[in-house]
Amino acid sequence: MSENQSTFRQYILLIPVIITGITLRFYFQTGHIFSDDAYYSYLSYSFLKNDFATDYLGYPVFPLRIGFIVLTAFSMMIFGINEFATIIFPFLFSLVNILLTYKFAQLMTNNEKVSFTSTLLITFFPTDIIFATVGFPDLINVFFINLGIYFLLKSFQQNKVHFAVAGGISLCMSMQFKETVYYVLVLLFILQTYLYIKNRRLNLQLITGIIFIIGNYLIEGFVYLLLHNDFFYRLTITNLNYNYSFYDFFPYTAQKFSGSKNYFKNLFDQIFLINAKSIFIRRFYLFLPLVSIIQTYLSYKKKEQQFLLFWFLGTAILMVAFTTSFTEYKPLDLARSWYIYPLLMPVIILSSLFINRFSTSVKSLLLTIYLIGSLIMCFEYRIFFDSKNLDSLKLFLRNNSSVTIYTDHFTKYSVDLIRGYNLHNSKRFAGSDFDFGQITKGDWLLYNKKHIEELQMQKYLLPDFDNLKLQGFRKIASFNEFIFFEKSE
């Protein structure tokens, strides 16, 4: 069989897998979850209207993720200002990532069975199925990181410089979606240092990746210097973000876990009892990271796949214990399940290597268990996100799009998106002295206790909602935490 015929056959085999991936992602479509996607949708809308972040209230670091904001704004321009426009690009990148996983596994292992199994694993990976239709930047951000590493590795194997340049460009593009690429920068530095000590030479691909990432920081710094008179504007905003949402970062995350004020106990809890557990013992991941640890040991004994092992172990260690701040030690809190993305590609390939160690019958059994587990976890994700309730809430908002709704600014961003940014019919209450008397009869108030509590932790001043009944409001509908009141007097 010629090389072209073999390639054609491989892609024919991928077609039913891609169709299955599309079907799963459509069936388990999540959509807007009234979380961080609310901020991204507003920023994208404001960019589309040439009024970028003018009245933005939210996490300071989000406007820096301009790649995702521009992409979503472009989607809004094509598909209209609606929920669908905020999720179509994560969906498309999730599908393209299936192909990238196949090509990556093929490049690293030169084994068609391992490559095809890797494709199956990513197609059915529950977190990717669910977050393919959530307006978060993580999926796209890590896609460009993986694409960059793929091109760097391909450049090394084929000794072609233009692939290294393509890899560097991909890594730079990832920085416009989220800041995760600094993990890669650390790994490239470590690997280049090791190779230089061992061989007394520089590696073209590693140096290219390092230069492009640092070059992006420098170019970005000069742009920020012109726009904000601050070369280290990204660092400034990142520090502001830590102060803004301090409760999401160490040591406060560990203190919530144990109740202890002891720094070293909190550090131990954060690294081992929260972060390591979140990665390696989590049902949503179907324990693939744990399988990867086993395969890492087996491959290490045979001195196989050394780059893959370095990528997996290095990224895992950095995610679990490395600082996210340049000014103080702050390990990332990995409680959120979508934070697995930087580790996902090596996990998938290592798990595929492990599965293909067995006979065809055992391999089929393992994959069957995995596929069933995947479907179960997708339904569990829908429970976790309260999807049925949120779908009803969205329908309720659309069916009452002409009613004026008063709510906090965070919830308002979601209300505006679901109702097509009809801004005349939504207002926010601000300040502890907000007068509920200005709300006219027939208007609604939307209250979410968890949203209010989080905004108060962010130091926003909000009115007292304890005596709404005494101020002429009656409850008309509730969707779990989302409660609607109507001004009746």
Protein backbone atom coordinates (compact mmCIF):
# COMPACT_ATOMS: atom_id res chain seq x y z
CA MET A 1 0.00 0.00 0.00
CA SER A 2 1.38 3.41 -0.99
CA GLU A 3 1.86 6.19 1.56
CA ASN A 4 -0.99 8.23 0.02
CA GLN A 5 -3.36 5.23 0.15
CA SER A 6 -2.41 4.59 3.78
CA THR A 7 -3.05 8.22 4.72
CA PHE A 8 -6.40 8.17 2.90
CA ARG A 9 -7.41 4.98 4.75
CA GLN A 10 -6.48 6.53 8.08
CA TYR A 11 -8.65 9.57 7.50
CA ILE A 12 -11.57 7.41 6.31
CA LEU A 13 -11.38 5.56 9.63
CA LEU A 14 -11.49 8.90 11.46
CA ILE A 15 -14.74 10.02 9.82
CA PRO A 16 -17.08 7.92 12.03
CA VAL A 17 -15.10 9.00 15.09
CA ILE A 18 -15.51 12.68 14.19
CA ILE A 19 -19.23 12.16 13.52
CA THR A 20 -19.54 10.48 16.93
CA GLY A 21 -17.70 13.43 18.51
CA ILE A 22 -20.09 15.90 16.87
CA THR A 23 -23.11 13.88 17.98
CA LEU A 24 -21.94 13.63 21.59
CA ARG A 25 -21.15 17.33 21.81
CA PHE A 26 -24.53 18.25 20.34
CA TYR A 27 -26.42 15.89 22.63
CA PHE A 28 -24.65 17.10 25.77
CA GLN A 29 -24.61 20.73 24.67
CA THR A 30 -24.12 22.84 27.79
CA GLY A 31 -24.30 26.42 26.58
CA HIS A 32 -24.17 29.43 28.85
CA ILE A 33 -23.63 28.44 32.50
CA PHE A 34 -23.98 31.89 34.18
CA SER A 35 -20.36 31.80 35.30
CA ASP A 36 -17.16 33.34 33.90
CA ASP A 37 -18.71 33.02 30.44
CA ALA A 38 -20.93 35.96 31.42
CA TYR A 39 -17.89 38.25 31.58
CA TYR A 40 -16.43 36.96 28.32
CA SER A 41 -19.73 37.43 26.51
CA TYR A 42 -20.03 41.03 27.71
CA LEU A 43 -16.43 41.85 26.76
CA SER A 44 -17.00 40.36 23.30
CA TYR A 45 -20.21 42.34 22.88
CA SER A 46 -18.50 45.57 23.95
CA PHE A 47 -15.65 44.88 21.51
CA LEU A 48 -18.16 44.34 18.71
CA LYS A 49 -19.82 47.66 19.56
CA ASN A 50 -16.45 49.52 19.59
CA ASP A 51 -16.85 50.20 23.29
CA PHE A 52 -14.44 47.60 24.66
CA ALA A 53 -14.58 47.16 28.44
CA THR A 54 -15.62 50.78 29.03
CA ASP A 55 -18.16 49.91 31.72
CA TYR A 56 -16.75 46.47 32.51
CA LEU A 57 -17.07 45.20 36.07
CA GLY A 58 -15.36 41.87 36.63
CA TYR A 59 -12.07 40.01 36.86
CA PRO A 60 -9.29 42.43 35.81
CA VAL A 61 -7.37 39.77 33.88
CA PHE A 62 -10.20 38.79 31.52
CA PRO A 63 -9.83 41.76 29.10
CA LEU A 64 -6.23 40.65 28.48
CA ARG A 65 -7.50 37.44 26.88
CA ILE A 66 -8.15 39.36 23.73
CA GLY A 67 -7.89 36.40 21.36
CA PHE A 68 -10.95 34.72 22.81
CA ILE A 69 -12.82 38.01 23.05
CA VAL A 70 -12.15 38.91 19.41
CA LEU A 71 -13.03 35.40 18.24
CA THR A 72 -16.35 35.50 20.11
CA ALA A 73 -17.06 39.02 18.83
CA PHE A 74 -16.42 37.77 15.28
CA SER A 75 -18.84 34.92 15.94
CA MET A 76 -21.44 37.41 17.18
CA MET A 77 -20.98 39.42 14.00
CA ILE A 78 -21.71 36.30 11.91
CA PHE A 79 -24.32 34.44 13.96
CA GLY A 80 -25.89 37.31 15.87
CA ILE A 81 -25.64 38.33 19.49
CA ASN A 82 -26.83 35.19 21.18
CA GLU A 83 -25.79 32.17 23.23
CA PHE A 84 -24.89 30.09 20.16
CA ALA A 85 -22.31 32.65 19.04
CA THR A 86 -20.41 32.29 22.33
CA ILE A 87 -19.97 28.51 22.05
CA ILE A 88 -19.50 27.77 18.34
CA PHE A 89 -15.72 28.31 18.31
CA PRO A 90 -15.01 26.16 21.39
CA PHE A 91 -17.12 23.50 19.67
CA LEU A 92 -15.19 23.74 16.39
CA PHE A 93 -11.80 23.74 18.12
CA SER A 94 -12.85 20.67 20.11
CA LEU A 95 -13.44 18.83 16.83
CA VAL A 96 -10.17 20.02 15.29
CA ASN A 97 -8.44 18.94 18.49
CA ILE A 98 -9.58 15.36 17.81
CA LEU A 99 -7.61 15.45 14.55
CA LEU A 100 -4.64 17.07 16.28
CA THR A 101 -4.65 14.31 18.90
CA TYR A 102 -4.50 11.70 16.15
CA LYS A 103 -1.63 13.47 14.38
CA PHE A 104 0.24 14.08 17.64
CA ALA A 105 0.00 10.46 18.75
CA GLN A 106 1.10 9.37 15.30
CA LEU A 107 4.10 11.71 15.39
CA MET A 108 5.17 10.58 18.86
CA THR A 109 4.57 6.84 18.60
CA ASN A 110 4.49 6.05 14.87
CA ASN A 111 1.83 3.51 15.77
CA GLU A 112 -1.55 3.63 14.05
CA LYS A 113 -3.32 1.64 16.78
CA VAL A 114 -2.07 3.99 19.49
CA SER A 115 -3.04 7.00 17.37
CA PHE A 116 -6.55 5.70 16.73
CA THR A 117 -7.05 4.77 20.39
CA SER A 118 -5.90 8.27 21.40
CA THR A 119 -8.53 9.68 19.06
CA LEU A 120 -11.22 7.57 20.70
CA LEU A 121 -10.12 8.63 24.18
CA ILE A 122 -10.25 12.36 23.42
CA THR A 123 -13.52 12.02 21.49
CA PHE A 124 -15.18 10.45 24.54
CA PHE A 125 -13.34 12.39 27.25
CA PRO A 126 -16.20 13.79 29.40
CA THR A 127 -14.62 17.15 30.23
CA ASP A 128 -13.93 17.88 26.57
CA ILE A 129 -17.44 16.84 25.53
CA ILE A 130 -19.00 19.22 28.04
CA PHE A 131 -16.63 22.18 27.64
CA ALA A 132 -16.84 22.01 23.85
CA THR A 133 -20.05 24.01 24.27
CA VAL A 134 -19.10 26.36 27.11
CA GLY A 135 -17.84 29.87 26.43
CA PHE A 136 -14.49 29.46 28.20
CA PRO A 137 -11.07 30.07 26.58
CA ASP A 138 -9.26 27.07 28.11
CA LEU A 139 -9.92 24.59 25.30
CA ILE A 140 -8.77 26.92 22.52
CA ASN A 141 -5.81 28.18 24.55
CA VAL A 142 -4.43 24.67 25.08
CA PHE A 143 -5.18 23.69 21.47
CA PHE A 144 -2.68 26.32 20.30
CA ILE A 145 -0.17 25.21 22.94
CA ASN A 146 -0.43 21.60 21.75
CA LEU A 147 -0.24 22.70 18.13
CA GLY A 148 2.93 24.65 18.94
CA ILE A 149 4.55 21.67 20.66
CA TYR A 150 3.49 19.46 17.74
CA PHE A 151 5.23 21.73 15.22
CA LEU A 152 8.37 22.01 17.37
CA LEU A 153 8.59 18.23 17.64
CA LYS A 154 7.93 17.80 13.93
CA SER A 155 10.66 20.34 13.17
CA PHE A 156 13.07 18.35 15.33
CA GLN A 157 12.22 15.05 13.68
CA GLN A 158 12.32 16.36 10.12
CA ASN A 159 14.97 19.04 10.65
CA LYS A 160 12.82 21.73 9.00
CA VAL A 161 13.04 25.23 10.42
CA HIS A 162 9.68 26.45 9.12
CA PHE A 163 7.89 23.96 11.39
CA ALA A 164 9.73 25.45 14.38
CA VAL A 165 8.58 28.93 13.34
CA ALA A 166 5.00 27.67 13.01
CA GLY A 167 5.33 26.19 16.50
CA GLY A 168 6.55 29.48 17.93
CA ILE A 169 3.68 31.36 16.31
CA SER A 170 1.16 28.88 17.72
CA LEU A 171 2.57 29.31 21.23
CA CYS A 172 2.28 33.09 20.85
CA MET A 173 -1.33 32.76 19.71
CA SER A 174 -2.15 30.71 22.81
CA MET A 175 -1.09 33.65 24.99
CA GLN A 176 -3.93 35.73 23.55
CA PHE A 177 -6.44 33.29 25.02
CA LYS A 178 -4.98 32.54 28.46
CA GLU A 179 -1.64 32.66 30.27
CA THR A 180 -1.06 28.89 30.47
CA VAL A 181 1.90 28.98 28.07
CA TYR A 182 4.25 29.92 30.90
CA TYR A 183 4.20 26.23 31.89
CA VAL A 184 5.63 25.48 28.45
CA LEU A 185 8.23 28.22 28.80
CA VAL A 186 9.48 26.68 32.06
CA LEU A 187 9.63 23.21 30.50
CA LEU A 188 11.50 24.49 27.44
CA PHE A 189 14.05 26.21 29.68
CA ILE A 190 14.54 23.07 31.77
CA LEU A 191 14.93 20.83 28.73
CA GLN A 192 17.31 23.21 26.98
CA THR A 193 19.44 23.55 30.12
CA TYR A 194 19.62 19.77 30.46
CA LEU A 195 20.61 19.28 26.82
CA TYR A 196 23.21 22.04 26.99
CA ILE A 197 24.82 20.55 30.10
CA LYS A 198 24.74 17.10 28.52
CA ASN A 199 25.74 17.92 24.91
CA ARG A 200 27.12 21.47 25.11
CA ARG A 201 24.84 22.66 22.33
CA LEU A 202 21.65 24.60 21.81
CA ASN A 203 18.56 22.99 20.35
CA LEU A 204 17.01 24.97 17.49
CA GLN A 205 13.44 23.98 18.29
CA LEU A 206 13.67 24.71 22.01
CA ILE A 207 15.39 28.05 21.43
CA THR A 208 12.78 28.98 18.81
CA GLY A 209 9.95 28.27 21.23
CA ILE A 210 11.64 30.24 24.02
CA ILE A 211 12.38 33.21 21.75
CA PHE A 212 8.81 33.39 20.45
CA ILE A 213 7.25 33.23 23.92
CA ILE A 214 9.63 35.81 25.43
CA GLY A 215 9.36 37.89 22.25
CA ASN A 216 5.61 37.96 22.62
CA TYR A 217 5.95 39.20 26.21
CA LEU A 218 8.33 41.96 25.03
CA ILE A 219 6.16 43.08 22.09
CA GLU A 220 3.10 42.98 24.31
CA GLY A 221 4.98 45.01 26.92
CA PHE A 222 5.78 47.78 24.43
CA VAL A 223 2.16 47.86 23.27
CA TYR A 224 1.00 48.19 26.88
CA LEU A 225 3.63 50.87 27.43
CA LEU A 226 2.04 52.91 24.63
CA LEU A 227 -1.53 52.22 25.71
CA HIS A 228 -1.23 52.27 29.51
CA ASN A 229 2.23 53.72 30.19
CA ASP A 230 3.16 50.43 31.88
CA PHE A 231 5.54 47.93 30.26
CA PHE A 232 4.59 45.35 32.90
CA TYR A 233 0.87 45.98 32.52
CA ARG A 234 0.07 42.26 32.33
CA LEU A 235 1.87 41.68 35.63
CA THR A 236 0.12 44.69 37.16
CA ILE A 237 -3.29 43.41 36.10
CA THR A 238 -2.49 39.88 37.24
CA ASN A 239 -1.67 41.17 40.72
CA LEU A 240 -4.87 43.20 40.72
CA ASN A 241 -6.73 40.04 39.78
CA TYR A 242 -5.25 38.18 42.76
CA ASN A 243 -6.45 40.93 45.08
CA TYR A 244 -9.84 41.13 43.36
CA SER A 245 -10.60 37.41 43.73
CA PHE A 246 -8.27 36.49 46.58
CA TYR A 247 -10.67 33.78 47.74
CA ASP A 248 -9.90 31.74 44.58
CA PHE A 249 -6.18 31.51 45.32
CA PHE A 250 -3.79 30.04 47.86
CA PRO A 251 -3.77 30.22 50.87
CA TYR A 252 -7.50 30.99 51.07
CA THR A 253 -8.48 27.94 49.02
CA ALA A 254 -6.59 25.68 51.43
CA GLN A 255 -8.01 27.50 54.45
CA LYS A 256 -11.53 26.79 53.19
CA PHE A 257 -10.54 23.14 52.87
CA SER A 258 -9.08 22.59 56.35
CA GLY A 259 -9.98 25.66 58.38
CA SER A 260 -6.35 25.96 59.44
CA LYS A 261 -4.32 29.19 59.48
CA ASN A 262 -0.97 27.37 59.52
CA TYR A 263 0.92 28.23 56.31
CA PHE A 264 2.75 24.92 55.94
CA LYS A 265 -0.36 22.84 56.62
CA ASN A 266 -2.22 24.91 54.05
CA LEU A 267 0.60 24.43 51.57
CA PHE A 268 0.58 20.66 52.11
CA ASP A 269 -3.20 20.54 51.77
CA GLN A 270 -3.17 22.66 48.61
CA ILE A 271 -0.52 20.61 46.83
CA PHE A 272 -1.41 17.09 47.90
CA LEU A 273 -4.97 16.97 49.21
CA ILE A 274 -6.49 19.44 46.74
CA ASN A 275 -4.34 19.71 43.61
CA ALA A 276 -2.85 16.22 43.30
CA LYS A 277 -6.16 14.64 44.25
CA SER A 278 -8.04 16.85 41.77
CA ILE A 279 -5.86 15.62 38.91
CA PHE A 280 -5.25 11.97 39.70
CA ILE A 281 -8.34 10.88 41.64
CA ARG A 282 -11.24 12.52 39.87
CA ARG A 283 -14.19 10.65 38.41
CA PHE A 284 -14.79 13.20 35.65
CA TYR A 285 -11.39 12.27 34.17
CA LEU A 286 -12.17 8.53 34.38
CA PHE A 287 -8.82 8.21 36.19
CA LEU A 288 -6.80 8.59 32.97
CA PRO A 289 -4.11 10.68 34.74
CA LEU A 290 -3.65 7.78 37.16
CA VAL A 291 -3.34 5.38 34.23
CA SER A 292 -0.74 7.75 32.77
CA ILE A 293 1.33 7.45 35.94
CA ILE A 294 1.38 3.67 35.55
CA GLN A 295 2.35 3.92 31.88
CA THR A 296 5.02 6.49 32.76
CA TYR A 297 6.64 3.96 35.10
CA LEU A 298 6.47 1.21 32.47
CA SER A 299 7.90 3.44 29.73
CA TYR A 300 10.63 4.75 32.02
CA LYS A 301 11.79 1.21 32.78
CA LYS A 302 12.19 0.57 29.05
CA LYS A 303 13.56 4.08 28.37
CA GLU A 304 10.77 4.73 25.88
CA GLN A 305 8.93 7.96 25.01
CA GLN A 306 11.25 10.13 27.09
CA PHE A 307 9.94 13.43 25.73
CA LEU A 308 6.34 12.37 26.39
CA LEU A 309 7.21 11.39 29.95
CA PHE A 310 8.99 14.72 30.51
CA TRP A 311 6.02 16.61 29.10
CA PHE A 312 3.53 14.74 31.29
CA LEU A 313 5.48 14.74 34.55
CA GLY A 314 6.80 18.28 34.08
CA THR A 315 3.37 19.73 33.37
CA ALA A 316 1.77 17.76 36.21
CA ILE A 317 4.35 18.98 38.74
CA LEU A 318 4.06 22.59 37.55
CA MET A 319 0.27 22.50 37.69
CA VAL A 320 0.21 20.97 41.15
CA ALA A 321 2.96 22.97 42.85
CA PHE A 322 4.32 25.82 40.69
CA THR A 323 3.47 29.42 41.48
CA THR A 324 0.98 31.41 39.41
CA SER A 325 2.38 34.72 40.67
CA PHE A 326 5.75 36.36 40.05
CA THR A 327 5.60 38.36 43.29
CA GLU A 328 4.67 35.64 45.79
CA TYR A 329 4.27 31.88 45.94
CA LYS A 330 0.73 30.98 44.89
CA PRO A 331 0.15 27.45 43.60
CA LEU A 332 -2.89 27.19 41.37
CA ASP A 333 -6.06 25.75 42.87
CA LEU A 334 -7.07 22.83 40.62
CA ALA A 335 -10.53 22.25 42.07
CA ARG A 336 -12.14 23.32 38.78
CA SER A 337 -12.31 20.33 36.46
CA TRP A 338 -11.53 22.25 33.25
CA TYR A 339 -8.04 23.03 34.55
CA ILE A 340 -7.00 19.56 33.29
CA TYR A 341 -6.56 20.90 29.74
CA PRO A 342 -2.79 21.66 29.84
CA LEU A 343 -2.18 18.04 30.87
CA LEU A 344 -4.75 16.40 28.64
CA MET A 345 -2.73 15.64 25.49
CA PRO A 346 0.10 13.70 27.19
CA VAL A 347 -2.47 11.97 29.42
CA ILE A 348 -4.45 10.80 26.39
CA ILE A 349 -1.39 9.47 24.54
CA LEU A 350 0.06 7.73 27.60
CA SER A 351 -3.31 6.14 28.38
CA SER A 352 -3.52 4.95 24.79
CA LEU A 353 -0.08 3.37 25.07
CA PHE A 354 -1.21 1.58 28.22
CA ILE A 355 -4.42 0.25 26.66
CA ASN A 356 -2.56 -1.03 23.60
CA ARG A 357 -0.28 -3.14 25.78
CA PHE A 358 -3.08 -5.68 26.10
CA SER A 359 -4.63 -8.23 23.78
CA THR A 360 -7.44 -7.22 21.44
CA SER A 361 -10.12 -8.69 23.70
CA VAL A 362 -8.83 -6.95 26.85
CA LYS A 363 -8.32 -3.72 24.91
CA SER A 364 -11.93 -3.88 23.65
CA LEU A 365 -13.17 -4.46 27.20
CA LEU A 366 -11.19 -1.49 28.56
CA LEU A 367 -12.47 0.80 25.80
CA THR A 368 -16.04 -0.37 26.35
CA ILE A 369 -15.77 0.41 30.07
CA TYR A 370 -14.27 3.80 29.18
CA LEU A 371 -17.06 4.66 26.73
CA ILE A 372 -19.78 3.68 29.20
CA GLY A 373 -18.02 5.62 31.96
CA SER A 374 -17.77 8.62 29.66
CA LEU A 375 -21.51 8.71 29.04
CA ILE A 376 -22.22 8.35 32.76
CA MET A 377 -19.86 11.22 33.58
CA CYS A 378 -21.42 13.44 30.91
CA PHE A 379 -24.80 13.00 32.61
CA GLU A 380 -23.08 13.67 35.95
CA TYR A 381 -21.66 16.89 34.50
CA ARG A 382 -25.18 17.98 33.55
CA ILE A 383 -26.21 17.46 37.17
CA PHE A 384 -23.09 19.29 38.37
CA PHE A 385 -23.91 22.33 36.20
CA ASP A 386 -27.64 22.06 36.97
CA SER A 387 -28.21 22.09 33.20
CA LYS A 388 -31.91 21.22 33.28
CA ASN A 389 -32.61 24.11 35.63
CA LEU A 390 -30.46 26.54 33.62
CA ASP A 391 -32.21 25.55 30.38
CA SER A 392 -35.55 26.38 32.00
CA LEU A 393 -34.15 29.68 33.27
CA LYS A 394 -32.94 30.65 29.79
CA LEU A 395 -36.32 29.81 28.27
CA PHE A 396 -38.06 31.85 30.96
CA LEU A 397 -35.82 34.85 30.25
CA ARG A 398 -36.40 34.62 26.49
CA ASN A 399 -40.16 34.32 26.92
CA ASN A 400 -40.15 37.47 29.07
CA SER A 401 -37.65 39.53 27.08
CA SER A 402 -39.74 42.71 27.27
CA VAL A 403 -39.91 42.83 31.08
CA THR A 404 -37.49 45.16 32.84
CA ILE A 405 -35.23 43.19 35.18
CA TYR A 406 -33.11 44.65 37.98
CA THR A 407 -30.18 42.54 39.14
CA ASP A 408 -26.48 42.63 40.05
CA HIS A 409 -23.95 43.38 37.30
CA PHE A 410 -22.62 39.80 37.17
CA THR A 411 -26.05 38.23 36.67
CA LYS A 412 -27.00 41.08 34.32
CA TYR A 413 -24.29 40.08 31.85
CA SER A 414 -25.95 36.67 31.53
CA VAL A 415 -29.46 38.09 31.34
CA ASP A 416 -28.38 40.46 28.57
CA LEU A 417 -26.78 37.68 26.54
CA ILE A 418 -29.77 35.34 26.80
CA ARG A 419 -32.15 38.16 25.80
CA GLY A 420 -29.97 39.37 22.91
CA TYR A 421 -28.52 42.42 24.67
CA ASN A 422 -31.77 44.34 24.83
CA LEU A 423 -30.13 46.72 27.30
CA HIS A 424 -33.22 48.91 27.74
CA ASN A 425 -34.90 46.12 29.69
CA SER A 426 -32.17 45.32 32.19
CA LYS A 427 -30.73 47.45 34.95
CA ARG A 428 -28.28 46.80 37.75
CA PHE A 429 -28.50 47.87 41.35
CA ALA A 430 -25.29 49.35 42.66
CA GLY A 431 -24.31 50.66 46.04
CA SER A 432 -25.57 49.77 49.49
CA ASP A 433 -27.94 52.75 49.33
CA PHE A 434 -29.79 51.58 46.21
CA ASP A 435 -33.45 52.62 46.53
CA PHE A 436 -35.81 49.75 45.74
CA GLY A 437 -38.55 52.36 45.57
CA GLN A 438 -37.32 53.47 42.14
CA ILE A 439 -38.34 50.09 40.72
CA THR A 440 -41.76 50.61 39.17
CA LYS A 441 -44.78 48.33 39.49
CA GLY A 442 -44.56 45.32 37.17
CA ASP A 443 -40.77 45.36 36.94
CA TRP A 444 -38.79 42.37 38.13
CA LEU A 445 -35.87 41.83 40.47
CA LEU A 446 -33.59 38.82 39.92
CA TYR A 447 -31.73 37.66 43.01
CA ASN A 448 -29.00 35.02 43.31
CA LYS A 449 -27.59 34.64 46.81
CA LYS A 450 -24.33 32.99 45.68
CA HIS A 451 -23.67 35.73 43.14
CA ILE A 452 -24.30 38.42 45.73
CA GLU A 453 -22.00 36.77 48.27
CA GLU A 454 -19.20 36.48 45.71
CA LEU A 455 -19.58 40.10 44.63
CA GLN A 456 -19.42 41.19 48.26
CA MET A 457 -16.13 39.28 48.62
CA GLN A 458 -14.96 41.31 45.62
CA LYS A 459 -15.70 44.44 47.71
CA TYR A 460 -18.78 45.58 45.79
CA LEU A 461 -21.34 47.44 47.88
CA LEU A 462 -24.82 46.03 47.39
CA PRO A 463 -28.22 46.74 48.97
CA ASP A 464 -29.89 44.66 51.67
CA PHE A 465 -32.27 42.07 50.19
CA ASP A 466 -33.65 40.72 53.47
CA ASN A 467 -36.90 42.70 53.46
CA LEU A 468 -38.06 42.56 49.85
CA LYS A 469 -41.60 41.57 50.83
CA LEU A 470 -41.88 44.64 53.03
CA GLN A 471 -40.82 46.77 50.07
CA GLY A 472 -43.63 45.59 47.82
CA PHE A 473 -42.07 42.59 46.08
CA ARG A 474 -43.59 39.16 45.61
CA LYS A 475 -41.85 36.00 44.45
CA ILE A 476 -43.05 34.90 41.01
CA ALA A 477 -40.55 32.23 39.91
CA SER A 478 -37.41 30.44 41.03
CA PHE A 479 -34.81 28.32 39.28
CA ASN A 480 -32.75 26.92 42.11
CA GLU A 481 -30.49 29.85 43.15
CA PHE A 482 -32.12 32.27 40.68
CA ILE A 483 -35.20 33.85 42.26
CA PHE A 484 -37.49 36.34 40.48
CA PHE A 485 -39.51 38.94 42.36
CA GLU A 486 -42.10 41.30 40.90
CA LYS A 487 -42.78 44.80 42.17
CA SER A 488 -46.46 44.54 43.03
CA GLU A 489 -47.05 47.81 44.85
